[in-house]
N, C-alpha and C. Protein backbone atom coordinates (compact mmCIF):
# COMPACT_ATOMS: atom_id res chain seq x y z
N MET A 1 -3.86 308.95 -134.35
CA MET A 1 -4.52 310.22 -134.21
C MET A 1 -4.18 310.88 -132.88
N GLY A 2 -3.84 310.08 -131.88
CA GLY A 2 -3.51 310.63 -130.58
C GLY A 2 -2.26 311.49 -130.61
N ARG A 3 -1.29 311.08 -131.41
CA ARG A 3 -0.05 311.85 -131.50
C ARG A 3 -0.30 313.21 -132.15
N LEU A 4 -1.14 313.24 -133.17
CA LEU A 4 -1.49 314.49 -133.83
C LEU A 4 -2.24 315.41 -132.88
N ALA A 5 -3.15 314.86 -132.10
CA ALA A 5 -3.92 315.67 -131.15
C ALA A 5 -3.00 316.25 -130.08
N LYS A 6 -2.04 315.46 -129.60
CA LYS A 6 -1.10 315.96 -128.60
C LYS A 6 -0.24 317.08 -129.17
N SER A 7 0.19 316.90 -130.41
CA SER A 7 1.00 317.93 -131.05
C SER A 7 0.21 319.22 -131.23
N LEU A 8 -1.02 319.10 -131.68
CA LEU A 8 -1.87 320.28 -131.87
C LEU A 8 -2.15 320.97 -130.54
N ASN A 9 -2.42 320.19 -129.50
CA ASN A 9 -2.65 320.78 -128.18
C ASN A 9 -1.40 321.50 -127.67
N SER A 10 -0.25 320.92 -127.90
CA SER A 10 0.99 321.57 -127.47
C SER A 10 1.22 322.86 -128.24
N MET A 11 0.93 322.85 -129.53
CA MET A 11 1.09 324.06 -130.33
C MET A 11 0.11 325.15 -129.89
N MET A 12 -1.11 324.76 -129.59
CA MET A 12 -2.10 325.73 -129.13
C MET A 12 -1.70 326.31 -127.77
N LEU A 13 -1.19 325.48 -126.87
CA LEU A 13 -0.75 325.94 -125.57
C LEU A 13 0.44 326.89 -125.71
N LEU A 14 1.39 326.54 -126.55
CA LEU A 14 2.54 327.40 -126.79
C LEU A 14 2.12 328.72 -127.43
N GLY A 15 1.21 328.67 -128.39
CA GLY A 15 0.71 329.89 -129.01
C GLY A 15 -0.02 330.78 -128.02
N GLY A 16 -0.84 330.19 -127.16
CA GLY A 16 -1.56 330.96 -126.15
C GLY A 16 -0.60 331.61 -125.16
N ALA A 17 0.39 330.86 -124.72
CA ALA A 17 1.38 331.41 -123.79
C ALA A 17 2.16 332.54 -124.45
N SER A 18 2.49 332.37 -125.72
CA SER A 18 3.21 333.43 -126.45
C SER A 18 2.38 334.69 -126.56
N LEU A 19 1.07 334.53 -126.83
CA LEU A 19 0.19 335.70 -126.91
C LEU A 19 0.09 336.42 -125.57
N VAL A 20 0.00 335.67 -124.49
CA VAL A 20 -0.08 336.29 -123.16
C VAL A 20 1.20 337.06 -122.87
N VAL A 21 2.34 336.45 -123.14
CA VAL A 21 3.62 337.13 -122.89
C VAL A 21 3.72 338.36 -123.76
N TRP A 22 3.36 338.24 -125.04
CA TRP A 22 3.49 339.36 -125.97
C TRP A 22 2.60 340.53 -125.56
N ASN A 23 1.34 340.24 -125.23
CA ASN A 23 0.37 341.32 -124.96
C ASN A 23 0.42 341.86 -123.54
N LEU A 24 0.76 341.03 -122.58
CA LEU A 24 0.67 341.48 -121.19
C LEU A 24 2.02 341.81 -120.55
N LEU A 25 3.07 341.13 -120.94
CA LEU A 25 4.32 341.28 -120.23
C LEU A 25 5.35 342.16 -120.93
N LEU A 26 5.22 342.36 -122.23
CA LEU A 26 6.21 343.15 -122.95
C LEU A 26 5.72 344.57 -123.18
N ASP A 27 6.61 345.54 -122.96
CA ASP A 27 6.26 346.92 -123.30
C ASP A 27 6.61 347.17 -124.77
N GLU A 28 6.32 348.38 -125.25
CA GLU A 28 6.49 348.67 -126.68
C GLU A 28 7.96 348.58 -127.11
N ARG A 29 8.88 349.01 -126.25
CA ARG A 29 10.30 348.95 -126.58
C ARG A 29 10.76 347.50 -126.74
N ALA A 30 10.29 346.64 -125.85
CA ALA A 30 10.65 345.22 -125.94
C ALA A 30 10.06 344.58 -127.19
N LYS A 31 8.84 344.97 -127.56
CA LYS A 31 8.22 344.43 -128.78
C LYS A 31 9.00 344.85 -130.01
N GLN A 32 9.45 346.12 -130.05
CA GLN A 32 10.25 346.58 -131.18
C GLN A 32 11.58 345.83 -131.25
N SER A 33 12.18 345.58 -130.10
CA SER A 33 13.43 344.84 -130.06
C SER A 33 13.23 343.41 -130.56
N MET A 34 12.14 342.78 -130.17
CA MET A 34 11.84 341.42 -130.62
C MET A 34 11.60 341.39 -132.13
N ARG A 35 10.90 342.40 -132.65
CA ARG A 35 10.66 342.46 -134.10
C ARG A 35 11.98 342.63 -134.85
N ALA A 36 12.86 343.50 -134.33
CA ALA A 36 14.15 343.73 -134.97
C ALA A 36 14.98 342.45 -134.96
N ALA A 37 14.97 341.74 -133.85
CA ALA A 37 15.71 340.48 -133.76
C ALA A 37 15.14 339.45 -134.73
N ALA A 38 13.83 339.38 -134.83
CA ALA A 38 13.21 338.44 -135.76
C ALA A 38 13.56 338.80 -137.20
N ASP A 39 13.59 340.09 -137.53
CA ASP A 39 13.97 340.50 -138.88
C ASP A 39 15.41 340.10 -139.19
N GLN A 40 16.31 340.26 -138.21
CA GLN A 40 17.70 339.88 -138.41
C GLN A 40 17.83 338.37 -138.63
N VAL A 41 17.07 337.59 -137.88
CA VAL A 41 17.12 336.14 -138.02
C VAL A 41 16.61 335.73 -139.40
N VAL A 42 15.53 336.36 -139.85
CA VAL A 42 14.99 336.05 -141.17
C VAL A 42 15.99 336.43 -142.26
N ASN A 43 16.61 337.61 -142.14
CA ASN A 43 17.59 338.03 -143.15
C ASN A 43 18.79 337.10 -143.18
N LEU A 44 19.28 336.70 -142.01
CA LEU A 44 20.41 335.79 -141.96
C LEU A 44 20.04 334.43 -142.54
N GLY A 45 18.86 333.94 -142.21
CA GLY A 45 18.41 332.67 -142.77
C GLY A 45 18.29 332.72 -144.28
N SER A 46 17.76 333.81 -144.78
CA SER A 46 17.64 333.99 -146.23
C SER A 46 19.02 334.04 -146.88
N HIS A 47 19.94 334.77 -146.26
CA HIS A 47 21.29 334.86 -146.79
C HIS A 47 21.97 333.49 -146.82
N LEU A 48 21.85 332.74 -145.73
CA LEU A 48 22.46 331.41 -145.68
C LEU A 48 21.82 330.47 -146.69
N LEU A 49 20.51 330.57 -146.87
CA LEU A 49 19.83 329.73 -147.85
C LEU A 49 20.30 330.06 -149.26
N ASN A 50 20.47 331.35 -149.55
CA ASN A 50 20.97 331.75 -150.87
C ASN A 50 22.38 331.25 -151.10
N ILE A 51 23.23 331.31 -150.07
CA ILE A 51 24.59 330.81 -150.21
C ILE A 51 24.57 329.30 -150.43
N TYR A 52 23.71 328.60 -149.71
CA TYR A 52 23.65 327.14 -149.84
C TYR A 52 23.13 326.74 -151.22
N MET A 53 22.13 327.47 -151.71
CA MET A 53 21.53 327.10 -152.99
C MET A 53 22.40 327.52 -154.18
N GLU A 54 23.24 328.53 -154.01
CA GLU A 54 24.10 329.02 -155.09
C GLU A 54 25.56 329.02 -154.63
N PRO A 55 26.15 327.86 -154.36
CA PRO A 55 27.52 327.84 -153.80
C PRO A 55 28.58 328.35 -154.77
N ASN A 56 28.33 328.29 -156.07
CA ASN A 56 29.34 328.71 -157.05
C ASN A 56 29.08 330.09 -157.59
N GLN A 57 28.23 330.85 -156.94
CA GLN A 57 27.88 332.17 -157.43
C GLN A 57 29.10 333.08 -157.48
N MET A 58 29.97 333.04 -156.48
CA MET A 58 31.14 333.90 -156.47
C MET A 58 32.09 333.53 -157.61
N ALA A 59 32.19 332.26 -157.93
CA ALA A 59 33.06 331.85 -159.02
C ALA A 59 32.55 332.37 -160.36
N ASN A 60 31.25 332.59 -160.48
CA ASN A 60 30.68 333.09 -161.71
C ASN A 60 30.76 334.61 -161.80
N ASP A 61 31.02 335.26 -160.70
CA ASP A 61 31.10 336.71 -160.69
C ASP A 61 32.39 337.15 -161.40
N GLU A 62 32.27 338.06 -162.35
CA GLU A 62 33.43 338.48 -163.14
C GLU A 62 34.48 339.19 -162.29
N ALA A 63 34.05 340.02 -161.35
CA ALA A 63 35.00 340.72 -160.50
C ALA A 63 35.78 339.73 -159.63
N ALA A 64 35.09 338.74 -159.09
CA ALA A 64 35.77 337.73 -158.27
C ALA A 64 36.73 336.91 -159.11
N ALA A 65 36.32 336.61 -160.34
CA ALA A 65 37.20 335.84 -161.23
C ALA A 65 38.45 336.63 -161.58
N ALA A 66 38.29 337.93 -161.85
CA ALA A 66 39.45 338.76 -162.18
C ALA A 66 40.39 338.88 -160.98
N TYR A 67 39.83 339.03 -159.78
CA TYR A 67 40.65 339.10 -158.57
C TYR A 67 41.43 337.80 -158.37
N ASN A 68 40.75 336.68 -158.53
CA ASN A 68 41.41 335.39 -158.36
C ASN A 68 42.50 335.18 -159.39
N LYS A 69 42.24 335.59 -160.64
CA LYS A 69 43.24 335.43 -161.70
C LYS A 69 44.48 336.27 -161.39
N ALA A 70 44.27 337.52 -160.96
CA ALA A 70 45.40 338.39 -160.62
C ALA A 70 46.19 337.82 -159.45
N TRP A 71 45.51 337.26 -158.47
CA TRP A 71 46.20 336.69 -157.31
C TRP A 71 47.04 335.49 -157.72
N VAL A 72 46.48 334.63 -158.58
CA VAL A 72 47.22 333.45 -159.03
C VAL A 72 48.44 333.86 -159.84
N GLU A 73 48.29 334.87 -160.72
CA GLU A 73 49.43 335.34 -161.50
C GLU A 73 50.52 335.90 -160.59
N GLN A 74 50.14 336.62 -159.57
CA GLN A 74 51.11 337.17 -158.61
C GLN A 74 51.84 336.04 -157.89
N GLN A 75 51.13 335.02 -157.50
CA GLN A 75 51.76 333.90 -156.81
C GLN A 75 52.77 333.20 -157.72
N TRP A 76 52.43 333.04 -159.00
CA TRP A 76 53.36 332.41 -159.94
C TRP A 76 54.59 333.29 -160.15
N ARG A 77 54.42 334.62 -160.24
CA ARG A 77 55.56 335.52 -160.39
C ARG A 77 56.49 335.43 -159.19
N GLU A 78 55.89 335.41 -157.99
CA GLU A 78 56.70 335.33 -156.78
C GLU A 78 57.43 333.99 -156.67
N ALA A 79 56.88 332.96 -157.28
CA ALA A 79 57.52 331.65 -157.26
C ALA A 79 58.63 331.56 -158.30
N GLY A 80 58.73 332.55 -159.20
CA GLY A 80 59.80 332.57 -160.18
C GLY A 80 59.40 332.07 -161.56
N TYR A 81 58.13 331.92 -161.82
CA TYR A 81 57.70 331.45 -163.13
C TYR A 81 57.15 332.57 -163.96
């Protein structure tokens, strides 16, 4: 139980320090910049998660398949077949 209490105390201390910094030290422009950065991080994380969870999505896309087929045919023509 001691480890859990230490972790909770650390989280509460970190949260309190974050609130002080957010409310007292940052002006409105800095807060907007922080929100925009957080939104970008969330969007990138979501994009990476989608790519990780659906690695073969591009292969299933008809446009990507047609492009790949045309490229392979061109390579075979250039090789003389």
